[in-house]
Amino acid sequence: MKVRPLGNRVLVEPVEEKEAMVGGIYIPDAAKEKPIKGKILALGKKYDEDHKEIPFDVKVGDEVLLPKYGGTEVKIGDKKLQIVREDDLLGVIG
């Protein structure tokens, strides 16, 4: 299924960190922090006041820093994705 975000939103696949061990103890999923990195899968369309399309500062494939809280989690197929406003992205990695 293809999804295209609306407006100035981006579709991001959060990058899960590898299984963490602290002192030989596995951290359960409930105690893990939400991923703060993700890969952009799709972009919406952004317009200025004159309704002219303007480019995004990010592109499909960029690895970005996500806000700890915010965005909307969606499940498409077996993947958990996030839809986030471009303004809420914290930065591009790389």
PDB file of N, CA and C in Angstrom:
ATOM      1  N   MET A   1       0.846  -1.176   0.000  1.00  0.00           N
ATOM      2  CA  MET A   1       0.000   0.000   0.000  1.00  0.00           C
ATOM      3  C   MET A   1       0.891   1.237   0.000  1.00  0.00           C
ATOM      4  N   LYS A   2       0.569   2.194  -0.867  1.00  0.00           N
ATOM      5  CA  LYS A   2       1.312   3.447  -0.939  1.00  0.00           C
ATOM      6  C   LYS A   2       0.602   4.511  -0.125  1.00  0.00           C
ATOM      7  N   VAL A   3       1.377   5.295   0.606  1.00  0.00           N
ATOM      8  CA  VAL A   3       0.821   6.381   1.411  1.00  0.00           C
ATOM      9  C   VAL A   3       1.599   7.645   1.081  1.00  0.00           C
ATOM     10  N   ARG A   4       0.874   8.730   0.801  1.00  0.00           N
ATOM     11  CA  ARG A   4       1.493  10.036   0.594  1.00  0.00           C
ATOM     12  C   ARG A   4       0.922  10.966   1.640  1.00  0.00           C
ATOM     13  N   PRO A   5       1.781  11.506   2.507  1.00  0.00           N
ATOM     14  CA  PRO A   5       1.282  12.441   3.519  1.00  0.00           C
ATOM     15  C   PRO A   5       0.721  13.700   2.874  1.00  0.00           C
ATOM     16  N   LEU A   6      -0.180  14.359   3.567  1.00  0.00           N
ATOM     17  CA  LEU A   6      -0.775  15.597   3.068  1.00  0.00           C
ATOM     18  C   LEU A   6      -0.064  16.800   3.663  1.00  0.00           C
ATOM     19  N   GLY A   7      -0.093  17.900   2.936  1.00  0.00           N
ATOM     20  CA  GLY A   7       0.485  19.151   3.430  1.00  0.00           C
ATOM     21  C   GLY A   7       1.984  19.042   3.625  1.00  0.00           C
ATOM     22  N   ASN A   8       2.471  19.722   4.661  1.00  0.00           N
ATOM     23  CA  ASN A   8       3.917  19.759   4.898  1.00  0.00           C
ATOM     24  C   ASN A   8       4.358  18.624   5.833  1.00  0.00           C
ATOM     25  N   ARG A   9       3.744  17.453   5.686  1.00  0.00           N
ATOM     26  CA  ARG A   9       4.070  16.315   6.530  1.00  0.00           C
ATOM     27  C   ARG A   9       4.970  15.335   5.784  1.00  0.00           C
ATOM     28  N   VAL A  10       5.718  14.553   6.555  1.00  0.00           N
ATOM     29  CA  VAL A  10       6.581  13.521   5.994  1.00  0.00           C
ATOM     30  C   VAL A  10       6.246  12.189   6.654  1.00  0.00           C
ATOM     31  N   LEU A  11       6.421  11.111   5.910  1.00  0.00           N
ATOM     32  CA  LEU A  11       6.217   9.755   6.427  1.00  0.00           C
ATOM     33  C   LEU A  11       7.593   9.208   6.766  1.00  0.00           C
ATOM     34  N   VAL A  12       7.762   8.800   8.027  1.00  0.00           N
ATOM     35  CA  VAL A  12       9.070   8.381   8.522  1.00  0.00           C
ATOM     36  C   VAL A  12       8.975   6.969   9.092  1.00  0.00           C
ATOM     37  N   GLU A  13       9.979   6.150   8.775  1.00  0.00           N
ATOM     38  CA  GLU A  13      10.098   4.831   9.381  1.00  0.00           C
ATOM     39  C   GLU A  13      11.128   4.959  10.503  1.00  0.00           C
ATOM     40  N   PRO A  14      10.685   4.867  11.775  1.00  0.00           N
ATOM     41  CA  PRO A  14      11.638   4.962  12.877  1.00  0.00           C
ATOM     42  C   PRO A  14      12.671   3.842  12.807  1.00  0.00           C
ATOM     43  N   VAL A  15      13.919   4.181  13.113  1.00  0.00           N
ATOM     44  CA  VAL A  15      15.002   3.207  13.120  1.00  0.00           C
ATOM     45  C   VAL A  15      15.152   2.714  14.551  1.00  0.00           C
ATOM     46  N   GLU A  16      14.855   1.441  14.749  1.00  0.00           N
ATOM     47  CA  GLU A  16      14.952   0.849  16.088  1.00  0.00           C
ATOM     48  C   GLU A  16      16.422   0.635  16.447  1.00  0.00           C
ATOM     49  N   GLU A  17      16.761   0.943  17.677  1.00  0.00           N
ATOM     50  CA  GLU A  17      18.101   0.680  18.167  1.00  0.00           C
ATOM     51  C   GLU A  17      18.238  -0.816  18.427  1.00  0.00           C
ATOM     52  N   LYS A  18      19.461  -1.306  18.409  1.00  0.00           N
ATOM     53  CA  LYS A  18      19.684  -2.728  18.660  1.00  0.00           C
ATOM     54  C   LYS A  18      19.303  -3.064  20.100  1.00  0.00           C
ATOM     55  N   GLU A  19      19.027  -4.346  20.328  1.00  0.00           N
ATOM     56  CA  GLU A  19      18.630  -4.823  21.658  1.00  0.00           C
ATOM     57  C   GLU A  19      19.635  -4.350  22.697  1.00  0.00           C
ATOM     58  N   ALA A  20      19.174  -3.715  23.739  1.00  0.00           N
ATOM     59  CA  ALA A  20      20.050  -3.140  24.749  1.00  0.00           C
ATOM     60  C   ALA A  20      20.153  -4.044  25.975  1.00  0.00           C
ATOM     61  N   MET A  21      21.358  -4.131  26.489  1.00  0.00           N
ATOM     62  CA  MET A  21      21.590  -4.858  27.739  1.00  0.00           C
ATOM     63  C   MET A  21      22.271  -3.896  28.691  1.00  0.00           C
ATOM     64  N   VAL A  22      21.815  -3.892  29.925  1.00  0.00           N
ATOM     65  CA  VAL A  22      22.442  -3.075  30.951  1.00  0.00           C
ATOM     66  C   VAL A  22      22.854  -4.011  32.065  1.00  0.00           C
ATOM     67  N   GLY A  23      24.149  -4.141  32.282  1.00  0.00           N
ATOM     68  CA  GLY A  23      24.636  -5.021  33.336  1.00  0.00           C
ATOM     69  C   GLY A  23      24.208  -6.466  33.143  1.00  0.00           C
ATOM     70  N   GLY A  24      24.101  -6.912  31.902  1.00  0.00           N
ATOM     71  CA  GLY A  24      23.716  -8.292  31.635  1.00  0.00           C
ATOM     72  C   GLY A  24      22.220  -8.543  31.669  1.00  0.00           C
ATOM     73  N   ILE A  25      21.415  -7.485  31.829  1.00  0.00           N
ATOM     74  CA  ILE A  25      19.955  -7.621  31.893  1.00  0.00           C
ATOM     75  C   ILE A  25      19.360  -6.983  30.648  1.00  0.00           C
ATOM     76  N   TYR A  26      18.469  -7.724  29.977  1.00  0.00           N
ATOM     77  CA  TYR A  26      17.786  -7.175  28.815  1.00  0.00           C
ATOM     78  C   TYR A  26      16.742  -6.164  29.254  1.00  0.00           C
ATOM     79  N   ILE A  27      16.645  -5.063  28.519  1.00  0.00           N
ATOM     80  CA  ILE A  27      15.648  -4.029  28.795  1.00  0.00           C
ATOM     81  C   ILE A  27      14.355  -4.441  28.097  1.00  0.00           C
ATOM     82  N   PRO A  28      13.227  -4.559  28.816  1.00  0.00           N
ATOM     83  CA  PRO A  28      11.966  -4.929  28.160  1.00  0.00           C
ATOM     84  C   PRO A  28      11.481  -3.817  27.242  1.00  0.00           C
ATOM     85  N   ASP A  29      10.672  -4.203  26.240  1.00  0.00           N
ATOM     86  CA  ASP A  29      10.168  -3.230  25.269  1.00  0.00           C
ATOM     87  C   ASP A  29       9.444  -2.072  25.925  1.00  0.00           C
ATOM     88  N   ALA A  30       8.695  -2.331  26.977  1.00  0.00           N
ATOM     89  CA  ALA A  30       7.920  -1.268  27.638  1.00  0.00           C
ATOM     90  C   ALA A  30       8.824  -0.207  28.252  1.00  0.00           C
ATOM     91  N   ALA A  31      10.041  -0.576  28.616  1.00  0.00           N
ATOM     92  CA  ALA A  31      10.947   0.372  29.266  1.00  0.00           C
ATOM     93  C   ALA A  31      11.856   1.083  28.275  1.00  0.00           C
ATOM     94  N   LYS A  32      11.863   0.641  27.042  1.00  0.00           N
ATOM     95  CA  LYS A  32      12.723   1.270  26.043  1.00  0.00           C
ATOM     96  C   LYS A  32      12.166   2.627  25.649  1.00  0.00           C
ATOM     97  N   GLU A  33      13.088   3.524  25.323  1.00  0.00           N
ATOM     98  CA  GLU A  33      12.663   4.843  24.853  1.00  0.00           C
ATOM     99  C   GLU A  33      12.255   4.757  23.393  1.00  0.00           C
ATOM    100  N   LYS A  34      11.390   5.664  23.003  1.00  0.00           N
ATOM    101  CA  LYS A  34      10.929   5.756  21.629  1.00  0.00           C
ATOM    102  C   LYS A  34      12.123   6.128  20.737  1.00  0.00           C
ATOM    103  N   PRO A  35      12.241   5.522  19.542  1.00  0.00           N
ATOM    104  CA  PRO A  35      13.361   5.866  18.654  1.00  0.00           C
ATOM    105  C   PRO A  35      13.350   7.346  18.291  1.00  0.00           C
ATOM    106  N   ILE A  36      14.531   7.920  18.206  1.00  0.00           N
ATOM    107  CA  ILE A  36      14.593   9.333  17.832  1.00  0.00           C
ATOM    108  C   ILE A  36      15.204   9.525  16.448  1.00  0.00           C
ATOM    109  N   LYS A  37      15.530   8.409  15.777  1.00  0.00           N
ATOM    110  CA  LYS A  37      16.041   8.496  14.410  1.00  0.00           C
ATOM    111  C   LYS A  37      15.056   7.797  13.486  1.00  0.00           C
ATOM    112  N   GLY A  38      15.022   8.258  12.245  1.00  0.00           N
ATOM    113  CA  GLY A  38      14.143   7.617  11.280  1.00  0.00           C
ATOM    114  C   GLY A  38      14.570   7.923   9.860  1.00  0.00           C
ATOM    115  N   LYS A  39      13.996   7.164   8.923  1.00  0.00           N
ATOM    116  CA  LYS A  39      14.294   7.335   7.506  1.00  0.00           C
ATOM    117  C   LYS A  39      13.034   7.817   6.806  1.00  0.00           C
ATOM    118  N   ILE A  40      13.156   8.875   6.012  1.00  0.00           N
ATOM    119  CA  ILE A  40      12.008   9.448   5.316  1.00  0.00           C
ATOM    120  C   ILE A  40      11.613   8.552   4.143  1.00  0.00           C
ATOM    121  N   LEU A  41      10.323   8.169   4.123  1.00  0.00           N
ATOM    122  CA  LEU A  41       9.801   7.304   3.071  1.00  0.00           C
ATOM    123  C   LEU A  41       8.998   8.079   2.026  1.00  0.00           C
ATOM    124  N   ALA A  42       8.315   9.152   2.439  1.00  0.00           N
ATOM    125  CA  ALA A  42       7.476   9.914   1.514  1.00  0.00           C
ATOM    126  C   ALA A  42       7.300  11.342   2.017  1.00  0.00           C
ATOM    127  N   LEU A  43       7.044  12.251   1.084  1.00  0.00           N
ATOM    128  CA  LEU A  43       6.817  13.669   1.396  1.00  0.00           C
ATOM    129  C   LEU A  43       5.446  14.085   0.888  1.00  0.00           C
ATOM    130  N   GLY A  44       4.844  15.042   1.579  1.00  0.00           N
ATOM    131  CA  GLY A  44       3.598  15.638   1.096  1.00  0.00           C
ATOM    132  C   GLY A  44       3.929  16.723   0.093  1.00  0.00           C
ATOM    133  N   LYS A  45       3.094  17.737   0.021  1.00  0.00           N
ATOM    134  CA  LYS A  45       3.356  18.894  -0.852  1.00  0.00           C
ATOM    135  C   LYS A  45       3.221  20.152  -0.016  1.00  0.00           C
ATOM    136  N   LYS A  46       4.167  21.040  -0.164  1.00  0.00           N
ATOM    137  CA  LYS A  46       4.216  22.252   0.637  1.00  0.00           C
ATOM    138  C   LYS A  46       3.994  23.447  -0.278  1.00  0.00           C
ATOM    139  N   TYR A  47       3.136  24.388   0.180  1.00  0.00           N
ATOM    140  CA  TYR A  47       2.794  25.558  -0.632  1.00  0.00           C
ATOM    141  C   TYR A  47       3.042  26.842   0.156  1.00  0.00           C
ATOM    142  N   ASP A  48       3.371  27.923  -0.573  1.00  0.00           N
ATOM    143  CA  ASP A  48       3.507  29.229   0.077  1.00  0.00           C
ATOM    144  C   ASP A  48       2.158  29.955   0.055  1.00  0.00           C
ATOM    145  N   GLU A  49       2.171  31.240   0.448  1.00  0.00           N
ATOM    146  CA  GLU A  49       0.930  32.010   0.539  1.00  0.00           C
ATOM    147  C   GLU A  49       0.250  32.201  -0.824  1.00  0.00           C
ATOM    148  N   ASP A  50       1.038  32.169  -1.889  1.00  0.00           N
ATOM    149  CA  ASP A  50       0.497  32.347  -3.245  1.00  0.00           C
ATOM    150  C   ASP A  50       0.112  31.015  -3.888  1.00  0.00           C
ATOM    151  N   HIS A  51       0.085  29.959  -3.091  1.00  0.00           N
ATOM    152  CA  HIS A  51      -0.268  28.602  -3.544  1.00  0.00           C
ATOM    153  C   HIS A  51       0.704  28.049  -4.567  1.00  0.00           C
ATOM    154  N   LYS A  52       1.958  28.485  -4.487  1.00  0.00           N
ATOM    155  CA  LYS A  52       3.004  27.926  -5.330  1.00  0.00           C
ATOM    156  C   LYS A  52       3.724  26.849  -4.522  1.00  0.00           C
ATOM    157  N   GLU A  53       3.967  25.707  -5.185  1.00  0.00           N
ATOM    158  CA  GLU A  53       4.638  24.607  -4.485  1.00  0.00           C
ATOM    159  C   GLU A  53       6.079  24.994  -4.175  1.00  0.00           C
ATOM    160  N   ILE A  54       6.510  24.724  -2.944  1.00  0.00           N
ATOM    161  CA  ILE A  54       7.890  24.998  -2.547  1.00  0.00           C
ATOM    162  C   ILE A  54       8.537  23.681  -2.105  1.00  0.00           C
ATOM    163  N   PRO A  55       9.845  23.559  -2.301  1.00  0.00           N
ATOM    164  CA  PRO A  55      10.513  22.294  -1.976  1.00  0.00           C
ATOM    165  C   PRO A  55      10.682  22.101  -0.463  1.00  0.00           C
ATOM    166  N   PHE A  56      10.766  20.849  -0.070  1.00  0.00           N
ATOM    167  CA  PHE A  56      11.057  20.493   1.314  1.00  0.00           C
ATOM    168  C   PHE A  56      12.557  20.662   1.561  1.00  0.00           C
ATOM    169  N   ASP A  57      12.942  20.815   2.823  1.00  0.00           N
ATOM    170  CA  ASP A  57      14.358  20.872   3.197  1.00  0.00           C
ATOM    171  C   ASP A  57      14.965  19.476   3.276  1.00  0.00           C
ATOM    172  N   VAL A  58      14.127  18.447   3.292  1.00  0.00           N
ATOM    173  CA  VAL A  58      14.576  17.055   3.364  1.00  0.00           C
ATOM    174  C   VAL A  58      14.108  16.331   2.104  1.00  0.00           C
ATOM    175  N   LYS A  59      14.656  15.138   1.873  1.00  0.00           N
ATOM    176  CA  LYS A  59      14.237  14.351   0.711  1.00  0.00           C
ATOM    177  C   LYS A  59      14.044  12.896   1.128  1.00  0.00           C
ATOM    178  N   VAL A  60      13.370  12.147   0.293  1.00  0.00           N
ATOM    179  CA  VAL A  60      13.142  10.729   0.559  1.00  0.00           C
ATOM    180  C   VAL A  60      14.490  10.036   0.696  1.00  0.00           C
ATOM    181  N   GLY A  61      14.628   9.228   1.728  1.00  0.00           N
ATOM    182  CA  GLY A  61      15.881   8.514   1.977  1.00  0.00           C
ATOM    183  C   GLY A  61      16.743   9.161   3.042  1.00  0.00           C
ATOM    184  N   ASP A  62      16.494  10.442   3.369  1.00  0.00           N
ATOM    185  CA  ASP A  62      17.274  11.107   4.421  1.00  0.00           C
ATOM    186  C   ASP A  62      17.027  10.449   5.767  1.00  0.00           C
ATOM    187  N   GLU A  63      18.086  10.369   6.578  1.00  0.00           N
ATOM    188  CA  GLU A  63      17.943   9.905   7.954  1.00  0.00           C
ATOM    189  C   GLU A  63      17.822  11.156   8.815  1.00  0.00           C
ATOM    190  N   VAL A  64      16.765  11.221   9.619  1.00  0.00           N
ATOM    191  CA  VAL A  64      16.458  12.440  10.375  1.00  0.00           C
ATOM    192  C   VAL A  64      16.324  12.150  11.860  1.00  0.00           C
ATOM    193  N   LEU A  65      16.444  13.212  12.639  1.00  0.00           N
ATOM    194  CA  LEU A  65      16.196  13.146  14.079  1.00  0.00           C
ATOM    195  C   LEU A  65      14.745  13.531  14.326  1.00  0.00           C
ATOM    196  N   LEU A  66      14.039  12.674  15.053  1.00  0.00           N
ATOM    197  CA  LEU A  66      12.616  12.897  15.335  1.00  0.00           C
ATOM    198  C   LEU A  66      12.441  13.476  16.729  1.00  0.00           C
ATOM    199  N   PRO A  67      11.368  14.210  16.955  1.00  0.00           N
ATOM    200  CA  PRO A  67      11.089  14.676  18.313  1.00  0.00           C
ATOM    201  C   PRO A  67      10.716  13.480  19.189  1.00  0.00           C
ATOM    202  N   LYS A  68      11.056  13.570  20.462  1.00  0.00           N
ATOM    203  CA  LYS A  68      10.747  12.463  21.380  1.00  0.00           C
ATOM    204  C   LYS A  68       9.241  12.257  21.488  1.00  0.00           C
ATOM    205  N   TYR A  69       8.509  13.344  21.510  1.00  0.00           N
ATOM    206  CA  TYR A  69       7.044  13.284  21.570  1.00  0.00           C
ATOM    207  C   TYR A  69       6.506  14.065  20.386  1.00  0.00           C
ATOM    208  N   GLY A  70       5.451  13.586  19.810  1.00  0.00           N
ATOM    209  CA  GLY A  70       4.860  14.293  18.677  1.00  0.00           C
ATOM    210  C   GLY A  70       4.738  13.373  17.482  1.00  0.00           C
ATOM    211  N   GLY A  71       4.123  13.879  16.453  1.00  0.00           N
ATOM    212  CA  GLY A  71       3.867  13.061  15.284  1.00  0.00           C
ATOM    213  C   GLY A  71       2.714  12.104  15.552  1.00  0.00           C
ATOM    214  N   THR A  72       2.331  11.377  14.543  1.00  0.00           N
ATOM    215  CA  THR A  72       1.237  10.424  14.661  1.00  0.00           C
ATOM    216  C   THR A  72       1.741   9.063  14.213  1.00  0.00           C
ATOM    217  N   GLU A  73       1.609   8.081  15.100  1.00  0.00           N
ATOM    218  CA  GLU A  73       2.014   6.725  14.744  1.00  0.00           C
ATOM    219  C   GLU A  73       0.922   6.070  13.925  1.00  0.00           C
ATOM    220  N   VAL A  74       1.318   5.405  12.837  1.00  0.00           N
ATOM    221  CA  VAL A  74       0.383   4.663  12.001  1.00  0.00           C
ATOM    222  C   VAL A  74       0.987   3.289  11.729  1.00  0.00           C
ATOM    223  N   LYS A  75       0.118   2.317  11.535  1.00  0.00           N
ATOM    224  CA  LYS A  75       0.587   0.971  11.209  1.00  0.00           C
ATOM    225  C   LYS A  75       0.107   0.655   9.802  1.00  0.00           C
ATOM    226  N   ILE A  76       1.055   0.416   8.919  1.00  0.00           N
ATOM    227  CA  ILE A  76       0.741   0.087   7.535  1.00  0.00           C
ATOM    228  C   ILE A  76       1.356  -1.277   7.265  1.00  0.00           C
ATOM    229  N   GLY A  77       0.500  -2.247   7.032  1.00  0.00           N
ATOM    230  CA  GLY A  77       0.979  -3.621   6.900  1.00  0.00           C
ATOM    231  C   GLY A  77       1.526  -4.066   8.243  1.00  0.00           C
ATOM    232  N   ASP A  78       2.757  -4.493   8.270  1.00  0.00           N
ATOM    233  CA  ASP A  78       3.373  -4.902   9.534  1.00  0.00           C
ATOM    234  C   ASP A  78       4.379  -3.868  10.038  1.00  0.00           C
ATOM    235  N   LYS A  79       4.435  -2.700   9.395  1.00  0.00           N
ATOM    236  CA  LYS A  79       5.382  -1.652   9.785  1.00  0.00           C
ATOM    237  C   LYS A  79       4.707  -0.581  10.630  1.00  0.00           C
ATOM    238  N   LYS A  80       5.417  -0.128  11.661  1.00  0.00           N
ATOM    239  CA  LYS A  80       4.966   1.017  12.456  1.00  0.00           C
ATOM    240  C   LYS A  80       5.704   2.236  11.927  1.00  0.00           C
ATOM    241  N   LEU A  81       4.945   3.197  11.416  1.00  0.00           N
ATOM    242  CA  LEU A  81       5.515   4.406  10.837  1.00  0.00           C
ATOM    243  C   LEU A  81       5.013   5.633  11.588  1.00  0.00           C
ATOM    244  N   GLN A  82       5.616   6.775  11.308  1.00  0.00           N
ATOM    245  CA  GLN A  82       5.179   8.032  11.917  1.00  0.00           C
ATOM    246  C   GLN A  82       4.957   9.068  10.823  1.00  0.00           C
ATOM    247  N   ILE A  83       3.919   9.864  11.017  1.00  0.00           N
ATOM    248  CA  ILE A  83       3.697  11.029  10.161  1.00  0.00           C
ATOM    249  C   ILE A  83       3.998  12.249  11.012  1.00  0.00           C
ATOM    250  N   VAL A  84       4.943  13.060  10.542  1.00  0.00           N
ATOM    251  CA  VAL A  84       5.449  14.202  11.305  1.00  0.00           C
ATOM    252  C   VAL A  84       5.463  15.426  10.403  1.00  0.00           C
ATOM    253  N   ARG A  85       5.164  16.592  10.959  1.00  0.00           N
ATOM    254  CA  ARG A  85       5.310  17.837  10.202  1.00  0.00           C
ATOM    255  C   ARG A  85       6.798  18.093   9.971  1.00  0.00           C
ATOM    256  N   GLU A  86       7.123  18.609   8.803  1.00  0.00           N
ATOM    257  CA  GLU A  86       8.530  18.892   8.504  1.00  0.00           C
ATOM    258  C   GLU A  86       9.122  19.848   9.540  1.00  0.00           C
ATOM    259  N   ASP A  87       8.332  20.806  10.008  1.00  0.00           N
ATOM    260  CA  ASP A  87       8.796  21.777  10.993  1.00  0.00           C
ATOM    261  C   ASP A  87       9.184  21.112  12.320  1.00  0.00           C
ATOM    262  N   ASP A  88       8.618  19.932  12.603  1.00  0.00           N
ATOM    263  CA  ASP A  88       8.906  19.259  13.868  1.00  0.00           C
ATOM    264  C   ASP A  88      10.163  18.399  13.818  1.00  0.00           C
ATOM    265  N   LEU A  89      10.696  18.144  12.608  1.00  0.00           N
ATOM    266  CA  LEU A  89      11.946  17.377  12.514  1.00  0.00           C
ATOM    267  C   LEU A  89      13.056  18.205  13.128  1.00  0.00           C
ATOM    268  N   LEU A  90      13.977  17.525  13.824  1.00  0.00           N
ATOM    269  CA  LEU A  90      15.036  18.225  14.538  1.00  0.00           C
ATOM    270  C   LEU A  90      16.302  18.409  13.722  1.00  0.00           C
ATOM    271  N   GLY A  91      16.531  17.537  12.755  1.00  0.00           N
ATOM    272  CA  GLY A  91      17.741  17.671  11.938  1.00  0.00           C
ATOM    273  C   GLY A  91      17.897  16.492  11.003  1.00  0.00           C
ATOM    274  N   VAL A  92      18.863  16.641  10.085  1.00  0.00           N
ATOM    275  CA  VAL A  92      19.198  15.586   9.134  1.00  0.00           C
ATOM    276  C   VAL A  92      20.547  15.021   9.543  1.00  0.00           C
ATOM    277  N   ILE A  93      20.665  13.690   9.579  1.00  0.00           N
ATOM    278  CA  ILE A  93      21.918  13.031   9.958  1.00  0.00           C
ATOM    279  C   ILE A  93      22.730  12.786   8.688  1.00  0.00           C
ATOM    280  N   GLY A  94      23.999  13.150   8.743  1.00  0.00           N
ATOM    281  CA  GLY A  94      24.886  12.847   7.622  1.00  0.00           C
ATOM    282  C   GLY A  94      25.229  13.963   6.783  1.00  0.00           C
TER     283      GLY A  94
END
